[in-house]
PDB file of all heavy atoms in Angstrom:
ATOM      1  N   CYS A   1      88.497 119.201  92.397  1.00  0.00           N
ATOM      2  CA  CYS A   1      87.989 117.751  92.453  1.00  0.00           C
ATOM      3  C   CYS A   1      86.829 117.633  93.431  1.00  0.00           C
ATOM      4  O   CYS A   1      85.866 116.946  93.159  1.00  0.00           O
ATOM      5  CB  CYS A   1      89.163 116.896  92.915  1.00  0.00           C
ATOM      6  SG  CYS A   1      90.520 116.818  91.641  1.00  0.00           S
ATOM      7  N   VAL A   2      86.930 118.230  94.588  1.00  0.00           N
ATOM      8  CA  VAL A   2      85.862 118.112  95.584  1.00  0.00           C
ATOM      9  C   VAL A   2      84.567 118.752  95.142  1.00  0.00           C
ATOM     10  O   VAL A   2      83.493 118.297  95.488  1.00  0.00           O
ATOM     11  CB  VAL A   2      86.353 118.740  96.910  1.00  0.00           C
ATOM     12  CG1 VAL A   2      85.266 118.863  97.939  1.00  0.00           C
ATOM     13  CG2 VAL A   2      87.502 117.839  97.489  1.00  0.00           C
ATOM     14  N   ALA A   3      84.695 119.850  94.351  1.00  0.00           N
ATOM     15  CA  ALA A   3      83.534 120.617  93.906  1.00  0.00           C
ATOM     16  C   ALA A   3      82.684 119.789  92.884  1.00  0.00           C
ATOM     17  O   ALA A   3      81.531 120.114  92.670  1.00  0.00           O
ATOM     18  CB  ALA A   3      83.941 121.941  93.298  1.00  0.00           C
ATOM     19  N   LEU A   4      83.265 118.794  92.274  1.00  0.00           N
ATOM     20  CA  LEU A   4      82.578 117.936  91.299  1.00  0.00           C
ATOM     21  C   LEU A   4      81.480 117.081  91.977  1.00  0.00           C
ATOM     22  O   LEU A   4      81.744 116.540  93.118  1.00  0.00           O
ATOM     23  CB  LEU A   4      83.503 117.107  90.476  1.00  0.00           C
ATOM     24  CG  LEU A   4      84.506 117.807  89.614  1.00  0.00           C
ATOM     25  CD1 LEU A   4      85.551 116.855  89.031  1.00  0.00           C
ATOM     26  CD2 LEU A   4      83.857 118.627  88.528  1.00  0.00           C
ATOM     27  N   ASP A   5      80.418 116.879  91.348  1.00  0.00           N
ATOM     28  CA  ASP A   5      79.296 116.091  91.922  1.00  0.00           C
ATOM     29  C   ASP A   5      79.786 114.594  92.116  1.00  0.00           C
ATOM     30  O   ASP A   5      80.096 113.900  91.119  1.00  0.00           O
ATOM     31  CB  ASP A   5      78.118 116.117  90.974  1.00  0.00           C
ATOM     32  CG  ASP A   5      76.936 115.323  91.404  1.00  0.00           C
ATOM     33  OD1 ASP A   5      76.977 114.656  92.437  1.00  0.00           O
ATOM     34  OD2 ASP A   5      75.886 115.278  90.702  1.00  0.00           O
ATOM     35  N   ALA A   6      79.794 114.176  93.366  1.00  0.00           N
ATOM     36  CA  ALA A   6      80.343 112.808  93.693  1.00  0.00           C
ATOM     37  C   ALA A   6      79.287 111.715  93.242  1.00  0.00           C
ATOM     38  O   ALA A   6      79.667 110.556  93.281  1.00  0.00           O
ATOM     39  CB  ALA A   6      80.555 112.709  95.150  1.00  0.00           C
ATOM     40  N   GLY A   7      78.093 112.145  92.849  1.00  0.00           N
ATOM     41  CA  GLY A   7      77.180 111.148  92.359  1.00  0.00           C
ATOM     42  C   GLY A   7      77.411 110.678  90.906  1.00  0.00           C
ATOM     43  O   GLY A   7      76.677 109.894  90.379  1.00  0.00           O
ATOM     44  N   HIS A   8      78.443 111.297  90.300  1.00  0.00           N
ATOM     45  CA  HIS A   8      78.773 110.883  88.916  1.00  0.00           C
ATOM     46  C   HIS A   8      80.208 110.376  88.884  1.00  0.00           C
ATOM     47  O   HIS A   8      80.943 110.693  89.760  1.00  0.00           O
ATOM     48  CB  HIS A   8      78.633 112.123  88.012  1.00  0.00           C
ATOM     49  CG  HIS A   8      77.268 112.540  87.764  1.00  0.00           C
ATOM     50  ND1 HIS A   8      76.560 113.331  88.576  1.00  0.00           N
ATOM     51  CD2 HIS A   8      76.430 112.229  86.741  1.00  0.00           C
ATOM     52  CE1 HIS A   8      75.340 113.526  88.119  1.00  0.00           C
ATOM     53  NE2 HIS A   8      75.256 112.856  86.937  1.00  0.00           N
ATOM     54  N   ARG A   9      80.515 109.601  87.835  1.00  0.00           N
ATOM     55  CA  ARG A   9      81.903 109.286  87.524  1.00  0.00           C
ATOM     56  C   ARG A   9      82.466 110.289  86.635  1.00  0.00           C
ATOM     57  O   ARG A   9      81.890 110.554  85.543  1.00  0.00           O
ATOM     58  CB  ARG A   9      81.971 107.860  86.949  1.00  0.00           C
ATOM     59  CG  ARG A   9      83.371 107.395  86.690  1.00  0.00           C
ATOM     60  CD  ARG A   9      83.404 105.922  86.256  1.00  0.00           C
ATOM     61  NE  ARG A   9      82.884 105.799  84.851  1.00  0.00           N
ATOM     62  CZ  ARG A   9      83.181 104.760  84.103  1.00  0.00           C
ATOM     63  NH1 ARG A   9      83.975 103.797  84.518  1.00  0.00           N
ATOM     64  NH2 ARG A   9      82.682 104.692  82.868  1.00  0.00           N
ATOM     65  N   HIS A  10      83.506 110.948  87.005  1.00  0.00           N
ATOM     66  CA  HIS A  10      84.125 112.060  86.246  1.00  0.00           C
ATOM     67  C   HIS A  10      85.359 111.465  85.491  1.00  0.00           C
ATOM     68  O   HIS A  10      86.300 111.020  86.136  1.00  0.00           O
ATOM     69  CB  HIS A  10      84.454 113.226  87.128  1.00  0.00           C
ATOM     70  CG  HIS A  10      83.276 113.900  87.703  1.00  0.00           C
ATOM     71  ND1 HIS A  10      82.578 114.877  87.062  1.00  0.00           N
ATOM     72  CD2 HIS A  10      82.590 113.606  88.855  1.00  0.00           C
ATOM     73  CE1 HIS A  10      81.521 115.253  87.781  1.00  0.00           C
ATOM     74  NE2 HIS A  10      81.499 114.504  88.872  1.00  0.00           N
ATOM     75  N   ILE A  11      85.248 111.427  84.168  1.00  0.00           N
ATOM     76  CA  ILE A  11      86.352 110.882  83.375  1.00  0.00           C
ATOM     77  C   ILE A  11      87.171 112.078  82.878  1.00  0.00           C
ATOM     78  O   ILE A  11      86.741 112.992  82.210  1.00  0.00           O
ATOM     79  CB  ILE A  11      85.785 110.169  82.112  1.00  0.00           C
ATOM     80  CG1 ILE A  11      84.594 109.272  82.492  1.00  0.00           C
ATOM     81  CG2 ILE A  11      86.830 109.461  81.346  1.00  0.00           C
ATOM     82  CD1 ILE A  11      84.968 108.173  83.441  1.00  0.00           C
ATOM     83  N   VAL A  12      88.479 112.065  83.270  1.00  0.00           N
ATOM     84  CA  VAL A  12      89.420 113.105  82.893  1.00  0.00           C
ATOM     85  C   VAL A  12      90.454 112.518  81.867  1.00  0.00           C
ATOM     86  O   VAL A  12      90.902 111.401  82.029  1.00  0.00           O
ATOM     87  CB  VAL A  12      90.147 113.722  84.129  1.00  0.00           C
ATOM     88  CG1 VAL A  12      89.126 114.407  84.977  1.00  0.00           C
ATOM     89  CG2 VAL A  12      90.881 112.644  84.928  1.00  0.00           C
ATOM     90  N   PHE A  13      90.746 113.278  80.800  1.00  0.00           N
ATOM     91  CA  PHE A  13      91.642 112.791  79.768  1.00  0.00           C
ATOM     92  C   PHE A  13      92.191 113.949  78.942  1.00  0.00           C
ATOM     93  O   PHE A  13      91.686 115.076  79.064  1.00  0.00           O
ATOM     94  CB  PHE A  13      90.889 111.798  78.881  1.00  0.00           C
ATOM     95  CG  PHE A  13      89.618 112.324  78.269  1.00  0.00           C
ATOM     96  CD1 PHE A  13      89.647 112.830  76.930  1.00  0.00           C
ATOM     97  CD2 PHE A  13      88.441 112.399  78.946  1.00  0.00           C
ATOM     98  CE1 PHE A  13      88.477 113.363  76.385  1.00  0.00           C
ATOM     99  CE2 PHE A  13      87.275 112.884  78.426  1.00  0.00           C
ATOM    100  CZ  PHE A  13      87.324 113.348  77.080  1.00  0.00           C
ATOM    101  N   GLY A  14      93.171 113.698  78.197  1.00  0.00           N
ATOM    102  CA  GLY A  14      93.912 114.692  77.397  1.00  0.00           C
ATOM    103  C   GLY A  14      95.239 114.970  78.027  1.00  0.00           C
ATOM    104  O   GLY A  14      95.505 114.523  79.203  1.00  0.00           O
ATOM    105  N   ASP A  15      96.109 115.713  77.360  1.00  0.00           N
ATOM    106  CA  ASP A  15      97.440 116.016  77.927  1.00  0.00           C
ATOM    107  C   ASP A  15      97.370 116.791  79.222  1.00  0.00           C
ATOM    108  O   ASP A  15      98.277 116.677  80.058  1.00  0.00           O
ATOM    109  CB  ASP A  15      98.353 116.597  76.880  1.00  0.00           C
ATOM    110  CG  ASP A  15      98.013 118.002  76.421  1.00  0.00           C
ATOM    111  OD1 ASP A  15      96.905 118.496  76.775  1.00  0.00           O
ATOM    112  OD2 ASP A  15      98.835 118.607  75.706  1.00  0.00           O
ATOM    113  N   GLY A  16      96.341 117.525  79.412  1.00  0.00           N
ATOM    114  CA  GLY A  16      96.155 118.309  80.636  1.00  0.00           C
ATOM    115  C   GLY A  16      95.872 117.373  81.772  1.00  0.00           C
ATOM    116  O   GLY A  16      96.391 117.588  82.915  1.00  0.00           O
ATOM    117  N   ALA A  17      95.122 116.329  81.588  1.00  0.00           N
ATOM    118  CA  ALA A  17      94.814 115.388  82.624  1.00  0.00           C
ATOM    119  C   ALA A  17      95.975 114.469  82.934  1.00  0.00           C
ATOM    120  O   ALA A  17      96.200 114.041  84.079  1.00  0.00           O
ATOM    121  CB  ALA A  17      93.612 114.558  82.277  1.00  0.00           C
ATOM    122  N   ASP A  18      96.797 114.167  81.923  1.00  0.00           N
ATOM    123  CA  ASP A  18      97.971 113.234  82.099  1.00  0.00           C
ATOM    124  C   ASP A  18      98.969 113.782  83.086  1.00  0.00           C
ATOM    125  O   ASP A  18      99.681 112.998  83.674  1.00  0.00           O
ATOM    126  CB  ASP A  18      98.611 112.933  80.724  1.00  0.00           C
ATOM    127  CG  ASP A  18      97.693 112.113  79.841  1.00  0.00           C
ATOM    128  OD1 ASP A  18      96.675 111.617  80.280  1.00  0.00           O
ATOM    129  OD2 ASP A  18      98.096 111.951  78.666  1.00  0.00           O
ATOM    130  N   LYS A  19      99.016 115.087  83.280  1.00  0.00           N
ATOM    131  CA  LYS A  19     100.020 115.650  84.144  1.00  0.00           C
ATOM    132  C   LYS A  19      99.638 115.605  85.590  1.00  0.00           C
ATOM    133  O   LYS A  19     100.430 115.941  86.468  1.00  0.00           O
ATOM    134  CB  LYS A  19     100.371 117.074  83.709  1.00  0.00           C
ATOM    135  CG  LYS A  19      99.226 118.126  83.942  1.00  0.00           C
ATOM    136  CD  LYS A  19      99.661 119.453  83.526  1.00  0.00           C
ATOM    137  CE  LYS A  19      98.620 120.527  83.710  1.00  0.00           C
ATOM    138  NZ  LYS A  19      99.071 121.792  83.248  1.00  0.00           N
ATOM    139  N   ALA A  20      98.406 115.241  85.865  1.00  0.00           N
ATOM    140  CA  ALA A  20      97.880 115.313  87.294  1.00  0.00           C
ATOM    141  C   ALA A  20      97.505 113.873  87.849  1.00  0.00           C
ATOM    142  O   ALA A  20      96.564 113.771  88.637  1.00  0.00           O
ATOM    143  CB  ALA A  20      96.727 116.288  87.316  1.00  0.00           C
ATOM    144  N   THR A  21      98.200 112.875  87.488  1.00  0.00           N
ATOM    145  CA  THR A  21      97.836 111.514  87.905  1.00  0.00           C
ATOM    146  C   THR A  21      97.782 111.400  89.417  1.00  0.00           C
ATOM    147  O   THR A  21      96.910 110.642  89.932  1.00  0.00           O
ATOM    148  CB  THR A  21      98.773 110.453  87.258  1.00  0.00           C
ATOM    149  OG1 THR A  21     100.114 110.763  87.614  1.00  0.00           O
ATOM    150  CG2 THR A  21      98.589 110.405  85.768  1.00  0.00           C
ATOM    151  N   GLY A  22      98.667 112.044  90.106  1.00  0.00           N
ATOM    152  CA  GLY A  22      98.692 112.000  91.558  1.00  0.00           C
ATOM    153  C   GLY A  22      97.410 112.573  92.172  1.00  0.00           C
ATOM    154  O   GLY A  22      96.890 112.070  93.153  1.00  0.00           O
ATOM    155  N   LEU A  23      96.897 113.610  91.535  1.00  0.00           N
ATOM    156  CA  LEU A  23      95.677 114.245  92.019  1.00  0.00           C
ATOM    157  C   LEU A  23      94.453 113.344  91.800  1.00  0.00           C
ATOM    158  O   LEU A  23      93.638 113.158  92.732  1.00  0.00           O
ATOM    159  CB  LEU A  23      95.447 115.607  91.313  1.00  0.00           C
ATOM    160  CG  LEU A  23      94.196 116.405  91.682  1.00  0.00           C
ATOM    161  CD1 LEU A  23      94.191 116.833  93.112  1.00  0.00           C
ATOM    162  CD2 LEU A  23      94.096 117.575  90.725  1.00  0.00           C
ATOM    163  N   TRP A  24      94.361 112.698  90.649  1.00  0.00           N
ATOM    164  CA  TRP A  24      93.248 111.836  90.365  1.00  0.00           C
ATOM    165  C   TRP A  24      93.159 110.622  91.348  1.00  0.00           C
ATOM    166  O   TRP A  24      92.094 110.229  91.691  1.00  0.00           O
ATOM    167  CB  TRP A  24      93.284 111.308  88.899  1.00  0.00           C
ATOM    168  CG  TRP A  24      93.547 112.401  87.879  1.00  0.00           C
ATOM    169  CD1 TRP A  24      94.402 112.295  86.878  1.00  0.00           C
ATOM    170  CD2 TRP A  24      92.923 113.702  87.802  1.00  0.00           C
ATOM    171  NE1 TRP A  24      94.388 113.461  86.092  1.00  0.00           N
ATOM    172  CE2 TRP A  24      93.459 114.352  86.677  1.00  0.00           C
ATOM    173  CE3 TRP A  24      92.004 114.410  88.578  1.00  0.00           C
ATOM    174  CZ2 TRP A  24      93.170 115.621  86.259  1.00  0.00           C
ATOM    175  CZ3 TRP A  24      91.670 115.714  88.157  1.00  0.00           C
ATOM    176  CH2 TRP A  24      92.230 116.284  87.056  1.00  0.00           C
ATOM    177  N   ALA A  25      94.363 110.158  91.737  1.00  0.00           N
ATOM    178  CA  ALA A  25      94.416 108.955  92.608  1.00  0.00           C
ATOM    179  C   ALA A  25      93.789 109.248  93.951  1.00  0.00           C
ATOM    180  O   ALA A  25      93.370 108.344  94.651  1.00  0.00           O
ATOM    181  CB  ALA A  25      95.862 108.516  92.747  1.00  0.00           C
ATOM    182  N   LYS A  26      93.703 110.485  94.356  1.00  0.00           N
ATOM    183  CA  LYS A  26      93.136 110.881  95.699  1.00  0.00           C
ATOM    184  C   LYS A  26      91.684 110.975  95.683  1.00  0.00           C
ATOM    185  O   LYS A  26      91.081 111.129  96.772  1.00  0.00           O
ATOM    186  CB  LYS A  26      93.803 112.157  96.171  1.00  0.00           C
ATOM    187  CG  LYS A  26      95.309 112.096  96.377  1.00  0.00           C
ATOM    188  CD  LYS A  26      95.842 113.316  97.034  1.00  0.00           C
ATOM    189  CE  LYS A  26      95.505 114.619  96.403  1.00  0.00           C
ATOM    190  NZ  LYS A  26      96.182 115.760  97.014  1.00  0.00           N
ATOM    191  N   HIS A  27      91.034 110.916  94.582  1.00  0.00           N
ATOM    192  CA  HIS A  27      89.585 111.163  94.486  1.00  0.00           C
ATOM    193  C   HIS A  27      88.911 110.030  93.764  1.00  0.00           C
ATOM    194  O   HIS A  27      89.035 109.828  92.557  1.00  0.00           O
ATOM    195  CB  HIS A  27      89.335 112.493  93.725  1.00  0.00           C
ATOM    196  CG  HIS A  27      89.948 113.685  94.468  1.00  0.00           C
ATOM    197  ND1 HIS A  27      89.306 114.276  95.547  1.00  0.00           N
ATOM    198  CD2 HIS A  27      91.140 114.259  94.335  1.00  0.00           C
ATOM    199  CE1 HIS A  27      90.047 115.255  95.967  1.00  0.00           C
ATOM    200  NE2 HIS A  27      91.236 115.276  95.259  1.00  0.00           N
ATOM    201  N   VAL A  28      88.067 109.221  94.482  1.00  0.00           N
ATOM    202  CA  VAL A  28      87.514 107.988  93.949  1.00  0.00           C
ATOM    203  C   VAL A  28      86.480 108.248  92.887  1.00  0.00           C
ATOM    204  O   VAL A  28      86.201 107.385  92.035  1.00  0.00           O
ATOM    205  CB  VAL A  28      86.847 107.135  95.054  1.00  0.00           C
ATOM    206  CG1 VAL A  28      87.920 106.681  96.020  1.00  0.00           C
ATOM    207  CG2 VAL A  28      85.775 107.917  95.756  1.00  0.00           C
ATOM    208  N   HIS A  29      85.873 109.400  92.754  1.00  0.00           N
ATOM    209  CA  HIS A  29      84.913 109.662  91.708  1.00  0.00           C
ATOM    210  C   HIS A  29      85.517 110.197  90.384  1.00  0.00           C
ATOM    211  O   HIS A  29      84.817 110.476  89.446  1.00  0.00           O
ATOM    212  CB  HIS A  29      83.780 110.646  92.218  1.00  0.00           C
ATOM    213  CG  HIS A  29      84.263 111.976  92.570  1.00  0.00           C
ATOM    214  ND1 HIS A  29      85.096 112.197  93.632  1.00  0.00           N
ATOM    215  CD2 HIS A  29      83.944 113.197  92.078  1.00  0.00           C
ATOM    216  CE1 HIS A  29      85.332 113.493  93.718  1.00  0.00           C
ATOM    217  NE2 HIS A  29      84.659 114.132  92.808  1.00  0.00           N
ATOM    218  N   LEU A  30      86.890 110.285  90.375  1.00  0.00           N
ATOM    219  CA  LEU A  30      87.596 110.694  89.187  1.00  0.00           C
ATOM    220  C   LEU A  30      88.323 109.488  88.568  1.00  0.00           C
ATOM    221  O   LEU A  30      88.934 108.743  89.274  1.00  0.00           O
ATOM    222  CB  LEU A  30      88.652 111.804  89.520  1.00  0.00           C
ATOM    223  CG  LEU A  30      87.987 113.113  89.882  1.00  0.00           C
ATOM    224  CD1 LEU A  30      89.022 114.019  90.668  1.00  0.00           C
ATOM    225  CD2 LEU A  30      87.479 113.859  88.703  1.00  0.00           C
ATOM    226  N   PHE A  31      88.233 109.413  87.292  1.00  0.00           N
ATOM    227  CA  PHE A  31      88.768 108.241  86.586  1.00  0.00           C
ATOM    228  C   PHE A  31      89.560 108.773  85.400  1.00  0.00           C
ATOM    229  O   PHE A  31      89.024 109.461  84.477  1.00  0.00           O
ATOM    230  CB  PHE A  31      87.625 107.338  86.049  1.00  0.00           C
ATOM    231  CG  PHE A  31      88.059 106.060  85.513  1.00  0.00           C
ATOM    232  CD1 PHE A  31      88.519 104.985  86.383  1.00  0.00           C
ATOM    233  CD2 PHE A  31      88.015 105.812  84.110  1.00  0.00           C
ATOM    234  CE1 PHE A  31      88.918 103.804  85.836  1.00  0.00           C
ATOM    235  CE2 PHE A  31      88.438 104.600  83.614  1.00  0.00           C
ATOM    236  CZ  PHE A  31      88.879 103.587  84.484  1.00  0.00           C
ATOM    237  N   HIS A  32      90.907 108.527  85.419  1.00  0.00           N
ATOM    238  CA  HIS A  32      91.813 109.074  84.418  1.00  0.00           C
ATOM    239  C   HIS A  32      92.007 108.064  83.287  1.00  0.00           C
ATOM    240  O   HIS A  32      92.368 106.920  83.548  1.00  0.00           O
ATOM    241  CB  HIS A  32      93.134 109.417  85.062  1.00  0.00           C
ATOM    242  CG  HIS A  32      94.210 109.841  84.089  1.00  0.00           C
ATOM    243  ND1 HIS A  32      95.437 109.315  84.100  1.00  0.00           N
ATOM    244  CD2 HIS A  32      94.184 110.799  83.181  1.00  0.00           C
ATOM    245  CE1 HIS A  32      96.190 109.860  83.188  1.00  0.00           C
ATOM    246  NE2 HIS A  32      95.424 110.812  82.539  1.00  0.00           N
ATOM    247  N   ILE A  33      91.837 108.510  82.053  1.00  0.00           N
ATOM    248  CA  ILE A  33      92.134 107.725  80.846  1.00  0.00           C
ATOM    249  C   ILE A  33      93.364 108.333  80.238  1.00  0.00           C
ATOM    250  O   ILE A  33      93.306 109.437  79.692  1.00  0.00           O
ATOM    251  CB  ILE A  33      90.982 107.683  79.843  1.00  0.00           C
ATOM    252  CG1 ILE A  33      89.646 107.289  80.502  1.00  0.00           C
ATOM    253  CG2 ILE A  33      91.317 106.795  78.638  1.00  0.00           C
ATOM    254  CD1 ILE A  33      89.655 105.890  81.001  1.00  0.00           C
ATOM    255  N   PRO A  34      94.548 107.682  80.287  1.00  0.00           N
ATOM    256  CA  PRO A  34      95.768 108.273  79.823  1.00  0.00           C
ATOM    257  C   PRO A  34      95.925 108.252  78.315  1.00  0.00           C
ATOM    258  O   PRO A  34      95.252 107.520  77.625  1.00  0.00           O
ATOM    259  CB  PRO A  34      96.861 107.434  80.439  1.00  0.00           C
ATOM    260  CG  PRO A  34      96.222 106.115  80.648  1.00  0.00           C
ATOM    261  CD  PRO A  34      94.744 106.355  80.890  1.00  0.00           C
ATOM    262  N   SER A  35      96.722 109.169  77.795  1.00  0.00           N
ATOM    263  CA  SER A  35      97.216 109.164  76.379  1.00  0.00           C
ATOM    264  C   SER A  35      96.151 109.454  75.351  1.00  0.00           C
ATOM    265  O   SER A  35      96.338 109.000  74.188  1.00  0.00           O
ATOM    266  CB  SER A  35      97.935 107.873  76.064  1.00  0.00           C
ATOM    267  OG  SER A  35      98.991 107.710  76.987  1.00  0.00           O
ATOM    268  N   ILE A  36      95.008 110.044  75.695  1.00  0.00           N
ATOM    269  CA  ILE A  36      94.106 110.435  74.674  1.00  0.00           C
ATOM    270  C   ILE A  36      94.508 111.772  74.134  1.00  0.00           C
ATOM    271  O   ILE A  36      94.718 112.776  74.889  1.00  0.00           O
ATOM    272  CB  ILE A  36      92.656 110.550  75.281  1.00  0.00           C
ATOM    273  CG1 ILE A  36      92.216 109.250  75.854  1.00  0.00           C
ATOM    274  CG2 ILE A  36      91.689 111.067  74.170  1.00  0.00           C
ATOM    275  CD1 ILE A  36      92.007 108.074  74.863  1.00  0.00           C
ATOM    276  N   ARG A  37      94.681 111.851  72.801  1.00  0.00           N
ATOM    277  CA  ARG A  37      95.151 113.138  72.186  1.00  0.00           C
ATOM    278  C   ARG A  37      94.133 113.456  71.027  1.00  0.00           C
ATOM    279  O   ARG A  37      93.570 112.592  70.456  1.00  0.00           O
ATOM    280  CB  ARG A  37      96.521 112.983  71.584  1.00  0.00           C
ATOM    281  CG  ARG A  37      97.604 112.716  72.627  1.00  0.00           C
ATOM    282  CD  ARG A  37      97.855 113.911  73.485  1.00  0.00           C
ATOM    283  NE  ARG A  37      98.906 113.724  74.486  1.00  0.00           N
ATOM    284  CZ  ARG A  37      98.729 113.192  75.671  1.00  0.00           C
ATOM    285  NH1 ARG A  37      97.508 112.852  76.063  1.00  0.00           N
ATOM    286  NH2 ARG A  37      99.715 113.078  76.465  1.00  0.00           N
ATOM    287  N   PRO A  38      94.027 114.741  70.748  1.00  0.00           N
ATOM    288  CA  PRO A  38      93.186 115.082  69.554  1.00  0.00           C
ATOM    289  C   PRO A  38      93.831 114.494  68.302  1.00  0.00           C
ATOM    290  O   PRO A  38      94.987 114.548  68.061  1.00  0.00           O
ATOM    291  CB  PRO A  38      93.241 116.630  69.488  1.00  0.00           C
ATOM    292  CG  PRO A  38      94.239 117.086  70.530  1.00  0.00           C
ATOM    293  CD  PRO A  38      94.645 115.945  71.307  1.00  0.00           C
ATOM    294  N   SER A  39      93.007 113.878  67.492  1.00  0.00           N
ATOM    295  CA  SER A  39      93.473 113.233  66.278  1.00  0.00           C
ATOM    296  C   SER A  39      92.499 113.422  65.081  1.00  0.00           C
ATOM    297  O   SER A  39      91.408 113.954  65.268  1.00  0.00           O
ATOM    298  CB  SER A  39      93.594 111.711  66.478  1.00  0.00           C
ATOM    299  OG  SER A  39      92.287 111.115  66.417  1.00  0.00           O
ATOM    300  N   VAL A  40      92.932 113.075  63.932  1.00  0.00           N
ATOM    301  CA  VAL A  40      92.147 113.242  62.737  1.00  0.00           C
ATOM    302  C   VAL A  40      90.892 112.351  62.850  1.00  0.00           C
ATOM    303  O   VAL A  40      89.845 112.676  62.244  1.00  0.00           O
ATOM    304  CB  VAL A  40      92.960 112.944  61.448  1.00  0.00           C
ATOM    305  CG1 VAL A  40      93.305 111.487  61.363  1.00  0.00           C
ATOM    306  CG2 VAL A  40      92.245 113.466  60.240  1.00  0.00           C
ATOM    307  N   LEU A  41      90.965 111.269  63.548  1.00  0.00           N
ATOM    308  CA  LEU A  41      89.791 110.382  63.735  1.00  0.00           C
ATOM    309  C   LEU A  41      88.648 111.110  64.471  1.00  0.00           C
ATOM    310  O   LEU A  41      87.518 111.059  64.023  1.00  0.00           O
ATOM    311  CB  LEU A  41      90.141 109.082  64.423  1.00  0.00           C
ATOM    312  CG  LEU A  41      91.223 108.279  63.686  1.00  0.00           C
ATOM    313  CD1 LEU A  41      91.582 107.031  64.540  1.00  0.00           C
ATOM    314  CD2 LEU A  41      90.701 107.825  62.280  1.00  0.00           C
ATOM    315  N   GLY A  42      88.946 111.739  65.635  1.00  0.00           N
ATOM    316  CA  GLY A  42      87.995 112.469  66.340  1.00  0.00           C
ATOM    317  C   GLY A  42      87.481 113.691  65.501  1.00  0.00           C
ATOM    318  O   GLY A  42      86.250 113.990  65.492  1.00  0.00           O
TER     319      GLY A  42
END
């Protein structure tokens, strides 16, 4: 998380991101979008 460029907003999503909500809460430049899954629409 710290290695990511703090000058950008980093959007994390997918089932891999959903398991780390506690980690995202500690870093203000990370923004978690829950429940995004690969679908036929994408």
